[in-house]
Amino acid sequence: MSTEKIDNVCVTAKANVYFDGKCVSHNITLPDGTRKSVGVVLPSSLTFNTGAPEIMECVGGACEYKLAGSPQWLRSEPGQTFSVPGQSSFEIRVEQAYHYICHFG
């Protein structure tokens, strides 16, 4: 089941815009201080670097992803997640808009 709504959050109004607008997200903070970002990746092939560990939750659309060091492309659809270690990277391929929540570890 994918997250449809997150209540009682503080939203950073200014968007994070990456890769010439192919990825746009907003940072949110929950009352307990937990940070997340909510965004969309438009059709493209991109490589993201991570600082902290991340869990990517698909809430709409789909993507294919490949973690650093892995030869295998995997698919993520609504309600599915994938984990990315900190200080790492992942490649992502999107054919239609991929809507996500990034849960920072």
PDB file of N, CA and C in Angstrom:
ATOM      1  N   MET A   1       0.853  -1.181   0.000  1.00  0.00           N
ATOM      2  CA  MET A   1       0.000   0.000   0.000  1.00  0.00           C
ATOM      3  C   MET A   1       0.894   1.237   0.000  1.00  0.00           C
ATOM      4  N   SER A   2       0.590   2.185  -0.845  1.00  0.00           N
ATOM      5  CA  SER A   2       1.413   3.386  -0.888  1.00  0.00           C
ATOM      6  C   SER A   2       0.788   4.509  -0.066  1.00  0.00           C
ATOM      7  N   THR A   3       1.644   5.393   0.394  1.00  0.00           N
ATOM      8  CA  THR A   3       1.205   6.535   1.182  1.00  0.00           C
ATOM      9  C   THR A   3       0.465   7.510   0.286  1.00  0.00           C
ATOM     10  N   GLU A   4      -0.729   7.913   0.670  1.00  0.00           N
ATOM     11  CA  GLU A   4      -1.498   8.869  -0.122  1.00  0.00           C
ATOM     12  C   GLU A   4      -1.480  10.260   0.482  1.00  0.00           C
ATOM     13  N   LYS A   5      -1.249  10.341   1.789  1.00  0.00           N
ATOM     14  CA  LYS A   5      -1.333  11.620   2.483  1.00  0.00           C
ATOM     15  C   LYS A   5      -0.455  11.568   3.719  1.00  0.00           C
ATOM     16  N   ILE A   6       0.209  12.696   4.021  1.00  0.00           N
ATOM     17  CA  ILE A   6       1.002  12.805   5.234  1.00  0.00           C
ATOM     18  C   ILE A   6       0.479  14.016   5.992  1.00  0.00           C
ATOM     19  N   ASP A   7      -0.051  13.809   7.185  1.00  0.00           N
ATOM     20  CA  ASP A   7      -0.654  14.882   7.968  1.00  0.00           C
ATOM     21  C   ASP A   7       0.372  15.569   8.868  1.00  0.00           C
ATOM     22  N   ASN A   8       0.044  16.803   9.260  1.00  0.00           N
ATOM     23  CA  ASN A   8       0.788  17.556  10.274  1.00  0.00           C
ATOM     24  C   ASN A   8       2.272  17.680   9.965  1.00  0.00           C
ATOM     25  N   VAL A   9       2.601  18.191   8.788  1.00  0.00           N
ATOM     26  CA  VAL A   9       4.001  18.360   8.414  1.00  0.00           C
ATOM     27  C   VAL A   9       4.316  19.820   8.144  1.00  0.00           C
ATOM     28  N   CYS A  10       5.578  20.137   8.240  1.00  0.00           N
ATOM     29  CA  CYS A  10       6.095  21.438   7.835  1.00  0.00           C
ATOM     30  C   CYS A  10       6.700  21.243   6.452  1.00  0.00           C
ATOM     31  N   VAL A  11       6.270  22.038   5.472  1.00  0.00           N
ATOM     32  CA  VAL A  11       6.735  21.905   4.096  1.00  0.00           C
ATOM     33  C   VAL A  11       7.636  23.082   3.748  1.00  0.00           C
ATOM     34  N   THR A  12       8.790  22.793   3.173  1.00  0.00           N
ATOM     35  CA  THR A  12       9.659  23.841   2.656  1.00  0.00           C
ATOM     36  C   THR A  12       9.078  24.278   1.316  1.00  0.00           C
ATOM     37  N   ALA A  13       8.691  25.538   1.215  1.00  0.00           N
ATOM     38  CA  ALA A  13       7.986  26.018   0.028  1.00  0.00           C
ATOM     39  C   ALA A  13       8.862  26.005  -1.223  1.00  0.00           C
ATOM     40  N   LYS A  14      10.131  26.328  -1.081  1.00  0.00           N
ATOM     41  CA  LYS A  14      11.014  26.354  -2.249  1.00  0.00           C
ATOM     42  C   LYS A  14      11.367  24.922  -2.648  1.00  0.00           C
ATOM     43  N   ALA A  15      11.154  24.612  -3.915  1.00  0.00           N
ATOM     44  CA  ALA A  15      11.400  23.263  -4.416  1.00  0.00           C
ATOM     45  C   ALA A  15      12.885  22.988  -4.593  1.00  0.00           C
ATOM     46  N   ASN A  16      13.238  21.729  -4.480  1.00  0.00           N
ATOM     47  CA  ASN A  16      14.561  21.243  -4.875  1.00  0.00           C
ATOM     48  C   ASN A  16      14.428  20.839  -6.338  1.00  0.00           C
ATOM     49  N   VAL A  17      15.192  21.451  -7.212  1.00  0.00           N
ATOM     50  CA  VAL A  17      15.106  21.164  -8.641  1.00  0.00           C
ATOM     51  C   VAL A  17      16.452  20.587  -9.086  1.00  0.00           C
ATOM     52  N   TYR A  18      16.424  19.374  -9.603  1.00  0.00           N
ATOM     53  CA  TYR A  18      17.635  18.673 -10.019  1.00  0.00           C
ATOM     54  C   TYR A  18      17.559  18.312 -11.497  1.00  0.00           C
ATOM     55  N   PHE A  19      18.721  18.134 -12.090  1.00  0.00           N
ATOM     56  CA  PHE A  19      18.825  17.638 -13.463  1.00  0.00           C
ATOM     57  C   PHE A  19      17.957  18.445 -14.430  1.00  0.00           C
ATOM     58  N   ASP A  20      18.147  19.777 -14.384  1.00  0.00           N
ATOM     59  CA  ASP A  20      17.416  20.681 -15.295  1.00  0.00           C
ATOM     60  C   ASP A  20      15.907  20.486 -15.242  1.00  0.00           C
ATOM     61  N   GLY A  21      15.380  20.227 -14.049  1.00  0.00           N
ATOM     62  CA  GLY A  21      13.939  20.102 -13.878  1.00  0.00           C
ATOM     63  C   GLY A  21      13.389  18.711 -14.072  1.00  0.00           C
ATOM     64  N   LYS A  22      14.245  17.730 -14.304  1.00  0.00           N
ATOM     65  CA  LYS A  22      13.752  16.360 -14.484  1.00  0.00           C
ATOM     66  C   LYS A  22      13.363  15.706 -13.163  1.00  0.00           C
ATOM     67  N   CYS A  23      13.811  16.287 -12.051  1.00  0.00           N
ATOM     68  CA  CYS A  23      13.416  15.832 -10.715  1.00  0.00           C
ATOM     69  C   CYS A  23      13.127  17.067  -9.876  1.00  0.00           C
ATOM     70  N   VAL A  24      11.936  17.113  -9.298  1.00  0.00           N
ATOM     71  CA  VAL A  24      11.530  18.234  -8.449  1.00  0.00           C
ATOM     72  C   VAL A  24      10.946  17.650  -7.167  1.00  0.00           C
ATOM     73  N   SER A  25      11.408  18.165  -6.020  1.00  0.00           N
ATOM     74  CA  SER A  25      10.887  17.667  -4.742  1.00  0.00           C
ATOM     75  C   SER A  25      10.753  18.804  -3.746  1.00  0.00           C
ATOM     76  N   HIS A  26      10.024  18.524  -2.683  1.00  0.00           N
ATOM     77  CA  HIS A  26       9.878  19.445  -1.558  1.00  0.00           C
ATOM     78  C   HIS A  26      10.251  18.692  -0.290  1.00  0.00           C
ATOM     79  N   ASN A  27      10.992  19.354   0.592  1.00  0.00           N
ATOM     80  CA  ASN A  27      11.336  18.768   1.885  1.00  0.00           C
ATOM     81  C   ASN A  27      10.167  18.932   2.840  1.00  0.00           C
ATOM     82  N   ILE A  28       9.924  17.887   3.629  1.00  0.00           N
ATOM     83  CA  ILE A  28       8.911  17.961   4.674  1.00  0.00           C
ATOM     84  C   ILE A  28       9.539  17.498   5.980  1.00  0.00           C
ATOM     85  N   THR A  29       9.031  18.039   7.076  1.00  0.00           N
ATOM     86  CA  THR A  29       9.483  17.635   8.408  1.00  0.00           C
ATOM     87  C   THR A  29       8.261  17.274   9.234  1.00  0.00           C
ATOM     88  N   LEU A  30       8.277  16.089   9.830  1.00  0.00           N
ATOM     89  CA  LEU A  30       7.189  15.633  10.680  1.00  0.00           C
ATOM     90  C   LEU A  30       7.341  16.233  12.077  1.00  0.00           C
ATOM     91  N   PRO A  31       6.277  16.226  12.872  1.00  0.00           N
ATOM     92  CA  PRO A  31       6.341  16.804  14.216  1.00  0.00           C
ATOM     93  C   PRO A  31       7.474  16.242  15.083  1.00  0.00           C
ATOM     94  N   ASP A  32       7.863  14.972  14.852  1.00  0.00           N
ATOM     95  CA  ASP A  32       8.939  14.377  15.659  1.00  0.00           C
ATOM     96  C   ASP A  32      10.335  14.706  15.116  1.00  0.00           C
ATOM     97  N   GLY A  33      10.395  15.538  14.052  1.00  0.00           N
ATOM     98  CA  GLY A  33      11.679  15.938  13.480  1.00  0.00           C
ATOM     99  C   GLY A  33      12.142  15.077  12.318  1.00  0.00           C
ATOM    100  N   THR A  34      11.424  14.008  12.015  1.00  0.00           N
ATOM    101  CA  THR A  34      11.773  13.143  10.894  1.00  0.00           C
ATOM    102  C   THR A  34      11.692  13.934   9.587  1.00  0.00           C
ATOM    103  N   ARG A  35      12.720  13.797   8.746  1.00  0.00           N
ATOM    104  CA  ARG A  35      12.765  14.481   7.451  1.00  0.00           C
ATOM    105  C   ARG A  35      12.452  13.510   6.320  1.00  0.00           C
ATOM    106  N   LYS A  36      11.729  14.018   5.342  1.00  0.00           N
ATOM    107  CA  LYS A  36      11.423  13.270   4.129  1.00  0.00           C
ATOM    108  C   LYS A  36      11.410  14.260   2.976  1.00  0.00           C
ATOM    109  N   SER A  37      11.404  13.752   1.753  1.00  0.00           N
ATOM    110  CA  SER A  37      11.124  14.622   0.618  1.00  0.00           C
ATOM    111  C   SER A  37      10.062  13.939  -0.230  1.00  0.00           C
ATOM    112  N   VAL A  38       9.235  14.746  -0.853  1.00  0.00           N
ATOM    113  CA  VAL A  38       8.146  14.272  -1.698  1.00  0.00           C
ATOM    114  C   VAL A  38       8.363  14.897  -3.063  1.00  0.00           C
ATOM    115  N   GLY A  39       8.384  14.070  -4.108  1.00  0.00           N
ATOM    116  CA  GLY A  39       8.687  14.648  -5.411  1.00  0.00           C
ATOM    117  C   GLY A  39       8.270  13.788  -6.575  1.00  0.00           C
ATOM    118  N   VAL A  40       8.764  14.211  -7.741  1.00  0.00           N
ATOM    119  CA  VAL A  40       8.470  13.528  -8.993  1.00  0.00           C
ATOM    120  C   VAL A  40       9.719  13.548  -9.871  1.00  0.00           C
ATOM    121  N   VAL A  41       9.951  12.415 -10.538  1.00  0.00           N
ATOM    122  CA  VAL A  41      10.993  12.325 -11.554  1.00  0.00           C
ATOM    123  C   VAL A  41      10.268  12.197 -12.887  1.00  0.00           C
ATOM    124  N   LEU A  42      10.582  13.094 -13.802  1.00  0.00           N
ATOM    125  CA  LEU A  42       9.981  13.065 -15.134  1.00  0.00           C
ATOM    126  C   LEU A  42      10.770  12.111 -16.031  1.00  0.00           C
ATOM    127  N   PRO A  43      10.211  11.721 -17.174  1.00  0.00           N
ATOM    128  CA  PRO A  43      10.888  10.748 -18.032  1.00  0.00           C
ATOM    129  C   PRO A  43      12.349  11.125 -18.291  1.00  0.00           C
ATOM    130  N   SER A  44      13.246  10.199 -17.909  1.00  0.00           N
ATOM    131  CA  SER A  44      14.684  10.449 -18.024  1.00  0.00           C
ATOM    132  C   SER A  44      15.447   9.238 -17.503  1.00  0.00           C
ATOM    133  N   SER A  45      16.768   9.299 -17.645  1.00  0.00           N
ATOM    134  CA  SER A  45      17.697   8.353 -17.026  1.00  0.00           C
ATOM    135  C   SER A  45      18.679   9.182 -16.224  1.00  0.00           C
ATOM    136  N   LEU A  46      18.714   8.977 -14.905  1.00  0.00           N
ATOM    137  CA  LEU A  46      19.492   9.829 -14.011  1.00  0.00           C
ATOM    138  C   LEU A  46      20.295   8.982 -13.029  1.00  0.00           C
ATOM    139  N   THR A  47      21.320   9.590 -12.427  1.00  0.00           N
ATOM    140  CA  THR A  47      22.088   8.968 -11.350  1.00  0.00           C
ATOM    141  C   THR A  47      22.044   9.880 -10.133  1.00  0.00           C
ATOM    142  N   PHE A  48      21.593   9.343  -9.011  1.00  0.00           N
ATOM    143  CA  PHE A  48      21.517  10.082  -7.756  1.00  0.00           C
ATOM    144  C   PHE A  48      22.589   9.580  -6.803  1.00  0.00           C
ATOM    145  N   ASN A  49      23.213  10.492  -6.078  1.00  0.00           N
ATOM    146  CA  ASN A  49      24.151  10.156  -5.008  1.00  0.00           C
ATOM    147  C   ASN A  49      23.442  10.340  -3.682  1.00  0.00           C
ATOM    148  N   THR A  50      23.778   9.501  -2.708  1.00  0.00           N
ATOM    149  CA  THR A  50      23.160   9.599  -1.392  1.00  0.00           C
ATOM    150  C   THR A  50      24.187  10.000  -0.343  1.00  0.00           C
ATOM    151  N   GLY A  51      23.729  10.761   0.641  1.00  0.00           N
ATOM    152  CA  GLY A  51      24.525  11.040   1.824  1.00  0.00           C
ATOM    153  C   GLY A  51      24.118  10.046   2.888  1.00  0.00           C
ATOM    154  N   ALA A  52      22.898  10.210   3.394  1.00  0.00           N
ATOM    155  CA  ALA A  52      22.327   9.292   4.383  1.00  0.00           C
ATOM    156  C   ALA A  52      21.625   8.149   3.649  1.00  0.00           C
ATOM    157  N   PRO A  53      21.390   7.033   4.331  1.00  0.00           N
ATOM    158  CA  PRO A  53      20.583   5.966   3.731  1.00  0.00           C
ATOM    159  C   PRO A  53      19.194   6.502   3.377  1.00  0.00           C
ATOM    160  N   GLU A  54      18.622   5.964   2.309  1.00  0.00           N
ATOM    161  CA  GLU A  54      17.309   6.398   1.841  1.00  0.00           C
ATOM    162  C   GLU A  54      16.432   5.195   1.538  1.00  0.00           C
ATOM    163  N   ILE A  55      15.141   5.367   1.753  1.00  0.00           N
ATOM    164  CA  ILE A  55      14.149   4.414   1.276  1.00  0.00           C
ATOM    165  C   ILE A  55      13.258   5.177   0.317  1.00  0.00           C
ATOM    166  N   MET A  56      13.209   4.723  -0.914  1.00  0.00           N
ATOM    167  CA  MET A  56      12.387   5.357  -1.943  1.00  0.00           C
ATOM    168  C   MET A  56      11.061   4.604  -2.025  1.00  0.00           C
ATOM    169  N   GLU A  57       9.963   5.320  -1.775  1.00  0.00           N
ATOM    170  CA  GLU A  57       8.620   4.743  -1.827  1.00  0.00           C
ATOM    171  C   GLU A  57       7.911   5.276  -3.066  1.00  0.00           C
ATOM    172  N   CYS A  58       7.467   4.388  -3.920  1.00  0.00           N
ATOM    173  CA  CYS A  58       6.721   4.777  -5.121  1.00  0.00           C
ATOM    174  C   CYS A  58       5.263   5.008  -4.747  1.00  0.00           C
ATOM    175  N   VAL A  59       4.750   6.220  -5.041  1.00  0.00           N
ATOM    176  CA  VAL A  59       3.346   6.523  -4.770  1.00  0.00           C
ATOM    177  C   VAL A  59       2.551   6.745  -6.056  1.00  0.00           C
ATOM    178  N   GLY A  60       3.226   6.718  -7.203  1.00  0.00           N
ATOM    179  CA  GLY A  60       2.553   6.847  -8.484  1.00  0.00           C
ATOM    180  C   GLY A  60       3.534   6.630  -9.609  1.00  0.00           C
ATOM    181  N   GLY A  61       3.054   6.092 -10.719  1.00  0.00           N
ATOM    182  CA  GLY A  61       3.951   5.803 -11.832  1.00  0.00           C
ATOM    183  C   GLY A  61       4.804   4.594 -11.514  1.00  0.00           C
ATOM    184  N   ALA A  62       5.983   4.540 -12.108  1.00  0.00           N
ATOM    185  CA  ALA A  62       6.909   3.431 -11.886  1.00  0.00           C
ATOM    186  C   ALA A  62       8.293   3.865 -12.332  1.00  0.00           C
ATOM    187  N   CYS A  63       9.286   3.089 -11.921  1.00  0.00           N
ATOM    188  CA  CYS A  63      10.650   3.337 -12.369  1.00  0.00           C
ATOM    189  C   CYS A  63      11.400   2.023 -12.409  1.00  0.00           C
ATOM    190  N   GLU A  64      12.537   2.052 -13.075  1.00  0.00           N
ATOM    191  CA  GLU A  64      13.514   0.984 -12.973  1.00  0.00           C
ATOM    192  C   GLU A  64      14.722   1.593 -12.295  1.00  0.00           C
ATOM    193  N   TYR A  65      15.367   0.841 -11.416  1.00  0.00           N
ATOM    194  CA  TYR A  65      16.516   1.369 -10.695  1.00  0.00           C
ATOM    195  C   TYR A  65      17.605   0.307 -10.608  1.00  0.00           C
ATOM    196  N   LYS A  66      18.828   0.780 -10.431  1.00  0.00           N
ATOM    197  CA  LYS A  66      19.981  -0.093 -10.270  1.00  0.00           C
ATOM    198  C   LYS A  66      20.869   0.515  -9.201  1.00  0.00           C
ATOM    199  N   LEU A  67      21.107  -0.221  -8.136  1.00  0.00           N
ATOM    200  CA  LEU A  67      21.959   0.253  -7.047  1.00  0.00           C
ATOM    201  C   LEU A  67      23.423   0.189  -7.463  1.00  0.00           C
ATOM    202  N   ALA A  68      24.240   1.058  -6.885  1.00  0.00           N
ATOM    203  CA  ALA A  68      25.674   1.069  -7.173  1.00  0.00           C
ATOM    204  C   ALA A  68      26.259  -0.321  -6.947  1.00  0.00           C
ATOM    205  N   GLY A  69      27.054  -0.776  -7.888  1.00  0.00           N
ATOM    206  CA  GLY A  69      27.707  -2.079  -7.760  1.00  0.00           C
ATOM    207  C   GLY A  69      26.861  -3.259  -8.190  1.00  0.00           C
ATOM    208  N   SER A  70      25.603  -3.018  -8.517  1.00  0.00           N
ATOM    209  CA  SER A  70      24.717  -4.106  -8.950  1.00  0.00           C
ATOM    210  C   SER A  70      24.582  -4.083 -10.471  1.00  0.00           C
ATOM    211  N   PRO A  71      24.614  -5.243 -11.111  1.00  0.00           N
ATOM    212  CA  PRO A  71      24.416  -5.283 -12.555  1.00  0.00           C
ATOM    213  C   PRO A  71      22.933  -5.316 -12.950  1.00  0.00           C
ATOM    214  N   GLN A  72      22.050  -5.496 -11.951  1.00  0.00           N
ATOM    215  CA  GLN A  72      20.644  -5.786 -12.228  1.00  0.00           C
ATOM    216  C   GLN A  72      19.739  -4.564 -12.090  1.00  0.00           C
ATOM    217  N   TRP A  73      18.907  -4.343 -13.120  1.00  0.00           N
ATOM    218  CA  TRP A  73      17.844  -3.337 -13.056  1.00  0.00           C
ATOM    219  C   TRP A  73      16.622  -3.981 -12.431  1.00  0.00           C
ATOM    220  N   LEU A  74      15.991  -3.280 -11.491  1.00  0.00           N
ATOM    221  CA  LEU A  74      14.774  -3.745 -10.831  1.00  0.00           C
ATOM    222  C   LEU A  74      13.669  -2.725 -11.050  1.00  0.00           C
ATOM    223  N   ARG A  75      12.424  -3.134 -10.868  1.00  0.00           N
ATOM    224  CA  ARG A  75      11.281  -2.256 -11.095  1.00  0.00           C
ATOM    225  C   ARG A  75      10.610  -1.908  -9.769  1.00  0.00           C
ATOM    226  N   SER A  76      10.164  -0.666  -9.636  1.00  0.00           N
ATOM    227  CA  SER A  76       9.413  -0.224  -8.463  1.00  0.00           C
ATOM    228  C   SER A  76       8.117   0.417  -8.929  1.00  0.00           C
ATOM    229  N   GLU A  77       7.006  -0.059  -8.374  1.00  0.00           N
ATOM    230  CA  GLU A  77       5.667   0.411  -8.726  1.00  0.00           C
ATOM    231  C   GLU A  77       4.958   0.905  -7.470  1.00  0.00           C
ATOM    232  N   PRO A  78       3.777   1.531  -7.608  1.00  0.00           N
ATOM    233  CA  PRO A  78       3.067   2.051  -6.434  1.00  0.00           C
ATOM    234  C   PRO A  78       2.942   1.027  -5.319  1.00  0.00           C
ATOM    235  N   GLY A  79       3.278   1.485  -4.109  1.00  0.00           N
ATOM    236  CA  GLY A  79       3.221   0.625  -2.935  1.00  0.00           C
ATOM    237  C   GLY A  79       4.517  -0.113  -2.669  1.00  0.00           C
ATOM    238  N   GLN A  80       5.485  -0.007  -3.585  1.00  0.00           N
ATOM    239  CA  GLN A  80       6.757  -0.693  -3.400  1.00  0.00           C
ATOM    240  C   GLN A  80       7.841   0.299  -2.982  1.00  0.00           C
ATOM    241  N   THR A  81       8.865  -0.214  -2.317  1.00  0.00           N
ATOM    242  CA  THR A  81       9.984   0.607  -1.888  1.00  0.00           C
ATOM    243  C   THR A  81      11.293  -0.062  -2.305  1.00  0.00           C
ATOM    244  N   PHE A  82      12.345   0.746  -2.328  1.00  0.00           N
ATOM    245  CA  PHE A  82      13.689   0.186  -2.427  1.00  0.00           C
ATOM    246  C   PHE A  82      14.616   1.018  -1.558  1.00  0.00           C
ATOM    247  N   SER A  83      15.624   0.348  -0.999  1.00  0.00           N
ATOM    248  CA  SER A  83      16.557   0.983  -0.067  1.00  0.00           C
ATOM    249  C   SER A  83      17.893   1.253  -0.742  1.00  0.00           C
ATOM    250  N   VAL A  84      18.454   2.417  -0.432  1.00  0.00           N
ATOM    251  CA  VAL A  84      19.751   2.823  -0.967  1.00  0.00           C
ATOM    252  C   VAL A  84      20.664   3.118   0.223  1.00  0.00           C
ATOM    253  N   PRO A  85      21.842   2.492   0.281  1.00  0.00           N
ATOM    254  CA  PRO A  85      22.749   2.775   1.389  1.00  0.00           C
ATOM    255  C   PRO A  85      23.233   4.227   1.365  1.00  0.00           C
ATOM    256  N   GLY A  86      23.678   4.709   2.527  1.00  0.00           N
ATOM    257  CA  GLY A  86      24.288   6.026   2.596  1.00  0.00           C
ATOM    258  C   GLY A  86      25.637   6.030   1.891  1.00  0.00           C
ATOM    259  N   GLN A  87      26.066   7.205   1.471  1.00  0.00           N
ATOM    260  CA  GLN A  87      27.344   7.366   0.776  1.00  0.00           C
ATOM    261  C   GLN A  87      27.435   6.423  -0.416  1.00  0.00           C
ATOM    262  N   SER A  88      26.367   6.376  -1.203  1.00  0.00           N
ATOM    263  CA  SER A  88      26.296   5.474  -2.349  1.00  0.00           C
ATOM    264  C   SER A  88      25.609   6.202  -3.497  1.00  0.00           C
ATOM    265  N   SER A  89      25.072   5.446  -4.436  1.00  0.00           N
ATOM    266  CA  SER A  89      24.341   6.038  -5.559  1.00  0.00           C
ATOM    267  C   SER A  89      23.395   4.998  -6.144  1.00  0.00           C
ATOM    268  N   PHE A  90      22.494   5.489  -6.984  1.00  0.00           N
ATOM    269  CA  PHE A  90      21.626   4.595  -7.746  1.00  0.00           C
ATOM    270  C   PHE A  90      21.267   5.268  -9.058  1.00  0.00           C
ATOM    271  N   GLU A  91      21.069   4.435 -10.066  1.00  0.00           N
ATOM    272  CA  GLU A  91      20.598   4.919 -11.357  1.00  0.00           C
ATOM    273  C   GLU A  91      19.102   4.681 -11.408  1.00  0.00           C
ATOM    274  N   ILE A  92      18.402   5.567 -12.106  1.00  0.00           N
ATOM    275  CA  ILE A  92      16.955   5.434 -12.221  1.00  0.00           C
ATOM    276  C   ILE A  92      16.547   5.736 -13.657  1.00  0.00           C
ATOM    277  N   ARG A  93      15.629   4.919 -14.177  1.00  0.00           N
ATOM    278  CA  ARG A  93      15.059   5.126 -15.515  1.00  0.00           C
ATOM    279  C   ARG A  93      13.556   5.274 -15.359  1.00  0.00           C
ATOM    280  N   VAL A  94      13.021   6.335 -15.945  1.00  0.00           N
ATOM    281  CA  VAL A  94      11.596   6.641 -15.821  1.00  0.00           C
ATOM    282  C   VAL A  94      11.028   6.886 -17.213  1.00  0.00           C
ATOM    283  N   GLU A  95       9.932   6.193 -17.538  1.00  0.00           N
ATOM    284  CA  GLU A  95       9.272   6.395 -18.829  1.00  0.00           C
ATOM    285  C   GLU A  95       8.072   7.322 -18.711  1.00  0.00           C
ATOM    286  N   GLN A  96       7.380   7.290 -17.575  1.00  0.00           N
ATOM    287  CA  GLN A  96       6.293   8.216 -17.271  1.00  0.00           C
ATOM    288  C   GLN A  96       6.580   8.750 -15.874  1.00  0.00           C
ATOM    289  N   ALA A  97       5.953   9.826 -15.488  1.00  0.00           N
ATOM    290  CA  ALA A  97       6.262  10.452 -14.201  1.00  0.00           C
ATOM    291  C   ALA A  97       6.249   9.430 -13.057  1.00  0.00           C
ATOM    292  N   TYR A  98       7.320   9.455 -12.260  1.00  0.00           N
ATOM    293  CA  TYR A  98       7.485   8.596 -11.086  1.00  0.00           C
ATOM    294  C   TYR A  98       7.343   9.479  -9.847  1.00  0.00           C
ATOM    295  N   HIS A  99       6.280   9.277  -9.073  1.00  0.00           N
ATOM    296  CA  HIS A  99       6.003  10.075  -7.875  1.00  0.00           C
ATOM    297  C   HIS A  99       6.522   9.288  -6.676  1.00  0.00           C
ATOM    298  N   TYR A 100       7.227   9.968  -5.788  1.00  0.00           N
ATOM    299  CA  TYR A 100       7.879   9.246  -4.709  1.00  0.00           C
ATOM    300  C   TYR A 100       7.887  10.032  -3.400  1.00  0.00           C
ATOM    301  N   ILE A 101       8.117   9.279  -2.328  1.00  0.00           N
ATOM    302  CA  ILE A 101       8.483   9.830  -1.032  1.00  0.00           C
ATOM    303  C   ILE A 101       9.852   9.245  -0.707  1.00  0.00           C
ATOM    304  N   CYS A 102      10.794  10.094  -0.394  1.00  0.00           N
ATOM    305  CA  CYS A 102      12.123   9.652   0.031  1.00  0.00           C
ATOM    306  C   CYS A 102      12.179   9.737   1.553  1.00  0.00           C
ATOM    307  N   HIS A 103      12.331   8.567   2.181  1.00  0.00           N
ATOM    308  CA  HIS A 103      12.435   8.477   3.638  1.00  0.00           C
ATOM    309  C   HIS A 103      13.918   8.414   3.974  1.00  0.00           C
ATOM    310  N   PHE A 104      14.416   9.414   4.687  1.00  0.00           N
ATOM    311  CA  PHE A 104      15.832   9.456   5.033  1.00  0.00           C
ATOM    312  C   PHE A 104      16.099   8.656   6.295  1.00  0.00           C
ATOM    313  N   GLY A 105      17.194   7.877   6.262  1.00  0.00           N
ATOM    314  CA  GLY A 105      17.548   7.042   7.399  1.00  0.00           C
ATOM    315  C   GLY A 105      18.535   7.714   8.192  1.00  0.00           C
TER     316      GLY A 105
END
